[in-house]
C-alpha atoms as a PDB file:
ATOM      1  CA  UNK A   1      -4.224  -3.998  11.670  1.00  0.00           C
ATOM      2  CA  UNK A   2      -2.388  -5.577  14.099  1.00  0.00           C
ATOM      3  CA  UNK A   3       0.710  -6.219  11.713  1.00  0.00           C
ATOM      4  CA  UNK A   4       0.702  -1.970  11.327  1.00  0.00           C
ATOM      5  CA  UNK A   5       1.096  -1.744  14.944  1.00  0.00           C
ATOM      6  CA  UNK A   6       4.177  -4.346  14.475  1.00  0.00           C
ATOM      7  CA  UNK A   7       5.885  -2.592  11.898  1.00  0.00           C
ATOM      8  CA  UNK A   8       5.459   0.881  14.003  1.00  0.00           C
ATOM      9  CA  UNK A   9       7.014  -0.694  17.129  1.00  0.00           C
ATOM     10  CA  UNK A  10       9.868  -2.072  15.369  1.00  0.00           C
ATOM     11  CA  UNK A  11      10.476   1.545  14.042  1.00  0.00           C
ATOM     12  CA  UNK A  12      10.359   2.825  17.268  1.00  0.00           C
ATOM     13  CA  UNK A  13      12.791   0.236  18.601  1.00  0.00           C
ATOM     14  CA  UNK A  14      15.207   1.132  15.580  1.00  0.00           C
ATOM     15  CA  UNK A  15      15.024   4.782  16.148  1.00  0.00           C
ATOM     16  CA  UNK A  16      15.415   4.103  20.007  1.00  0.00           C
ATOM     17  CA  UNK A  17      18.194   1.419  19.509  1.00  0.00           C
ATOM     18  CA  UNK A  18      19.445   1.356  15.898  1.00  0.00           C
ATOM     19  CA  UNK A  19      22.211  -1.160  16.755  1.00  0.00           C
ATOM     20  CA  UNK A  20      20.139  -4.083  18.159  1.00  0.00           C
ATOM     21  CA  UNK A  21      17.454  -6.411  16.122  1.00  0.00           C
ATOM     22  CA  UNK A  22      13.671  -6.537  17.225  1.00  0.00           C
ATOM     23  CA  UNK A  23      11.944  -9.087  16.557  1.00  0.00           C
ATOM     24  CA  UNK A  24      13.078  -9.356  12.620  1.00  0.00           C
ATOM     25  CA  UNK A  25      16.699  -9.345  11.586  1.00  0.00           C
ATOM     26  CA  UNK A  26      17.738  -5.937   9.998  1.00  0.00           C
ATOM     27  CA  UNK A  27      18.889  -7.979   7.326  1.00  0.00           C
ATOM     28  CA  UNK A  28      15.364  -9.331   6.248  1.00  0.00           C
ATOM     29  CA  UNK A  29      13.457  -6.153   6.843  1.00  0.00           C
ATOM     30  CA  UNK A  30      15.661  -3.174   6.652  1.00  0.00           C
ATOM     31  CA  UNK A  31      14.682   0.228   8.537  1.00  0.00           C
ATOM     32  CA  UNK A  32      13.981   2.221   5.322  1.00  0.00           C
ATOM     33  CA  UNK A  33      11.901  -0.620   3.867  1.00  0.00           C
ATOM     34  CA  UNK A  34       9.646  -1.269   7.013  1.00  0.00           C
ATOM     35  CA  UNK A  35       9.386   2.390   7.206  1.00  0.00           C
ATOM     36  CA  UNK A  36       8.020   2.697   3.394  1.00  0.00           C
ATOM     37  CA  UNK A  37       5.477  -0.465   4.209  1.00  0.00           C
ATOM     38  CA  UNK A  38       4.511   1.466   7.547  1.00  0.00           C
ATOM     39  CA  UNK A  39       3.042   4.936   5.728  1.00  0.00           C
ATOM     40  CA  UNK A  40       2.078   2.979   2.844  1.00  0.00           C
ATOM     41  CA  UNK A  41      -0.333   0.699   4.305  1.00  0.00           C
ATOM     42  CA  UNK A  42      -2.003   3.467   6.268  1.00  0.00           C
ATOM     43  CA  UNK A  43      -2.539   5.446   3.218  1.00  0.00           C
ATOM     44  CA  UNK A  44      -3.573   2.235   1.243  1.00  0.00           C
ATOM     45  CA  UNK A  45      -5.674   1.171   3.515  1.00  0.00           C
ATOM     46  CA  UNK A  46      -7.589   4.658   4.088  1.00  0.00           C
ATOM     47  CA  UNK A  47      -7.782   4.583   0.141  1.00  0.00           C
ATOM     48  CA  UNK A  48      -9.167   1.518  -0.740  1.00  0.00           C
ATOM     49  CA  UNK A  49     -11.785   1.783   2.656  1.00  0.00           C
ATOM     50  CA  UNK A  50     -12.778   5.383   0.799  1.00  0.00           C
ATOM     51  CA  UNK A  51     -13.272   4.063  -2.491  1.00  0.00           C
ATOM     52  CA  UNK A  52     -15.247   0.843  -1.306  1.00  0.00           C
ATOM     53  CA  UNK A  53     -17.102   2.839   1.356  1.00  0.00           C
ATOM     54  CA  UNK A  54     -18.077   5.000  -1.822  1.00  0.00           C
ATOM     55  CA  UNK A  55     -19.188   1.819  -3.562  1.00  0.00           C
ATOM     56  CA  UNK A  56     -21.781   0.557  -0.883  1.00  0.00           C
ATOM     57  CA  UNK A  57     -22.824   4.320   0.771  1.00  0.00           C
ATOM     58  CA  UNK A  58     -23.799   5.372  -2.765  1.00  0.00           C
ATOM     59  CA  UNK A  59     -26.478   3.029  -3.178  1.00  0.00           C
ATOM     60  CA  UNK A  60     -27.972   3.981   0.134  1.00  0.00           C
ATOM     61  CA  UNK A  61     -27.875   7.543  -0.421  1.00  0.00           C
ATOM     62  CA  UNK A  62     -29.409   7.682  -3.616  1.00  0.00           C
ATOM     63  CA  UNK A  63     -31.513   4.477  -2.880  1.00  0.00           C
ATOM     64  CA  UNK A  64     -30.750   3.563  -6.263  1.00  0.00           C
ATOM     65  CA  UNK A  65     -28.705   0.154  -7.065  1.00  0.00           C
ATOM     66  CA  UNK A  66     -25.732   0.436  -8.958  1.00  0.00           C
ATOM     67  CA  UNK A  67     -26.346   0.073 -12.469  1.00  0.00           C
ATOM     68  CA  UNK A  68     -23.411  -2.250 -13.143  1.00  0.00           C
ATOM     69  CA  UNK A  69     -22.878  -4.133  -9.575  1.00  0.00           C
ATOM     70  CA  UNK A  70     -19.965  -6.248 -11.396  1.00  0.00           C
ATOM     71  CA  UNK A  71     -17.936  -3.550 -11.542  1.00  0.00           C
ATOM     72  CA  UNK A  72     -17.689  -2.809  -8.102  1.00  0.00           C
ATOM     73  CA  UNK A  73     -16.301  -6.385  -7.808  1.00  0.00           C
ATOM     74  CA  UNK A  74     -13.556  -5.695 -10.580  1.00  0.00           C
ATOM     75  CA  UNK A  75     -12.468  -2.231  -8.979  1.00  0.00           C
ATOM     76  CA  UNK A  76     -12.172  -3.896  -5.156  1.00  0.00           C
ATOM     77  CA  UNK A  77     -10.531  -6.509  -7.036  1.00  0.00           C
ATOM     78  CA  UNK A  78      -8.045  -4.111  -9.012  1.00  0.00           C
ATOM     79  CA  UNK A  79      -7.351  -2.149  -5.449  1.00  0.00           C
ATOM     80  CA  UNK A  80      -6.589  -5.422  -3.926  1.00  0.00           C
ATOM     81  CA  UNK A  81      -3.698  -5.873  -6.677  1.00  0.00           C
ATOM     82  CA  UNK A  82      -2.682  -2.646  -6.836  1.00  0.00           C
ATOM     83  CA  UNK A  83      -2.333  -2.573  -2.802  1.00  0.00           C
ATOM     84  CA  UNK A  84      -0.791  -5.911  -2.656  1.00  0.00           C
ATOM     85  CA  UNK A  85       1.289  -5.125  -5.527  1.00  0.00           C
ATOM     86  CA  UNK A  86       2.612  -1.756  -4.728  1.00  0.00           C
ATOM     87  CA  UNK A  87       3.697  -2.848  -1.308  1.00  0.00           C
ATOM     88  CA  UNK A  88       5.388  -6.143  -2.508  1.00  0.00           C
ATOM     89  CA  UNK A  89       7.041  -3.392  -5.066  1.00  0.00           C
ATOM     90  CA  UNK A  90       8.464  -1.335  -2.162  1.00  0.00           C
ATOM     91  CA  UNK A  91      10.048  -4.403  -0.566  1.00  0.00           C
ATOM     92  CA  UNK A  92      11.214  -5.841  -3.820  1.00  0.00           C
ATOM     93  CA  UNK A  93      12.505  -2.480  -5.229  1.00  0.00           C
ATOM     94  CA  UNK A  94      14.159  -1.285  -1.905  1.00  0.00           C
ATOM     95  CA  UNK A  95      16.185  -4.594  -1.614  1.00  0.00           C
ATOM     96  CA  UNK A  96      17.369  -4.437  -5.113  1.00  0.00           C
ATOM     97  CA  UNK A  97      15.376  -7.227  -6.841  1.00  0.00           C
ATOM     98  CA  UNK A  98      13.601  -5.486  -9.435  1.00  0.00           C
ATOM     99  CA  UNK A  99      16.961  -3.822 -11.286  1.00  0.00           C
ATOM    100  CA  UNK A 100      16.305  -1.745 -14.069  1.00  0.00           C
ATOM    101  CA  UNK A 101      12.271  -1.915 -13.579  1.00  0.00           C
ATOM    102  CA  UNK A 102      12.233  -0.626  -9.593  1.00  0.00           C
ATOM    103  CA  UNK A 103      10.616   2.888 -10.782  1.00  0.00           C
ATOM    104  CA  UNK A 104       7.805   1.392 -12.695  1.00  0.00           C
ATOM    105  CA  UNK A 105       6.981  -1.627  -9.867  1.00  0.00           C
ATOM    106  CA  UNK A 106       9.043  -0.877  -6.812  1.00  0.00           C
ATOM    107  CA  UNK A 107       9.150   2.376  -4.554  1.00  0.00           C
ATOM    108  CA  UNK A 108       9.594   5.547  -6.505  1.00  0.00           C
ATOM    109  CA  UNK A 109      11.353   6.923  -3.288  1.00  0.00           C
ATOM    110  CA  UNK A 110       8.962   9.816  -2.458  1.00  0.00           C
ATOM    111  CA  UNK A 111       7.989  11.397   0.633  1.00  0.00           C
ATOM    112  CA  UNK A 112       4.605   9.687   1.359  1.00  0.00           C
ATOM    113  CA  UNK A 113       2.735   7.049  -0.967  1.00  0.00           C
ATOM    114  CA  UNK A 114       6.078   5.612  -2.573  1.00  0.00           C
ATOM    115  CA  UNK A 115       4.558   3.378  -4.803  1.00  0.00           C
ATOM    116  CA  UNK A 116       5.974   2.305  -8.134  1.00  0.00           C
ATOM    117  CA  UNK A 117       4.654   4.475 -11.267  1.00  0.00           C
ATOM    118  CA  UNK A 118       2.271   1.282 -12.778  1.00  0.00           C
ATOM    119  CA  UNK A 119       0.797   1.355  -9.284  1.00  0.00           C
ATOM    120  CA  UNK A 120       0.049   5.109  -9.057  1.00  0.00           C
ATOM    121  CA  UNK A 121      -1.206   4.987 -12.679  1.00  0.00           C
ATOM    122  CA  UNK A 122      -3.585   2.036 -11.332  1.00  0.00           C
ATOM    123  CA  UNK A 123      -4.716   3.754  -8.666  1.00  0.00           C
ATOM    124  CA  UNK A 124      -5.363   7.068 -10.134  1.00  0.00           C
ATOM    125  CA  UNK A 125      -7.498   5.233 -12.735  1.00  0.00           C
ATOM    126  CA  UNK A 126      -9.274   3.517  -9.640  1.00  0.00           C
ATOM    127  CA  UNK A 127      -9.916   6.722  -8.446  1.00  0.00           C
ATOM    128  CA  UNK A 128     -11.532   8.334 -11.169  1.00  0.00           C
ATOM    129  CA  UNK A 129     -13.390   5.335 -11.854  1.00  0.00           C
END
């Protein structure tokens, strides 16, 4: 979570003094990339925490074990892949490395959750699952 605070500090500094670098060069981490990462890390953190928390709390409340506990492990790994892939895709897409596939794997440029379409669909499947 400390990385999240550093990103917030970086953004605050760039808002206040856009002409100067802060800790990291703006060429390496441009403002728009850091803003997207900062917002999306919070959303993905809450989403993964909510889903995984539900997997652990549901058996406690119902007093029954999960029928297929390996599916919970698969969902956990899938959520990590979606979260990590989405955040890496935001950086690569915004920096122009993904070329024509930026819409599918990079950031779509929406207001909050800016993951690429592949990551959006995967996250929706995880929520339904």
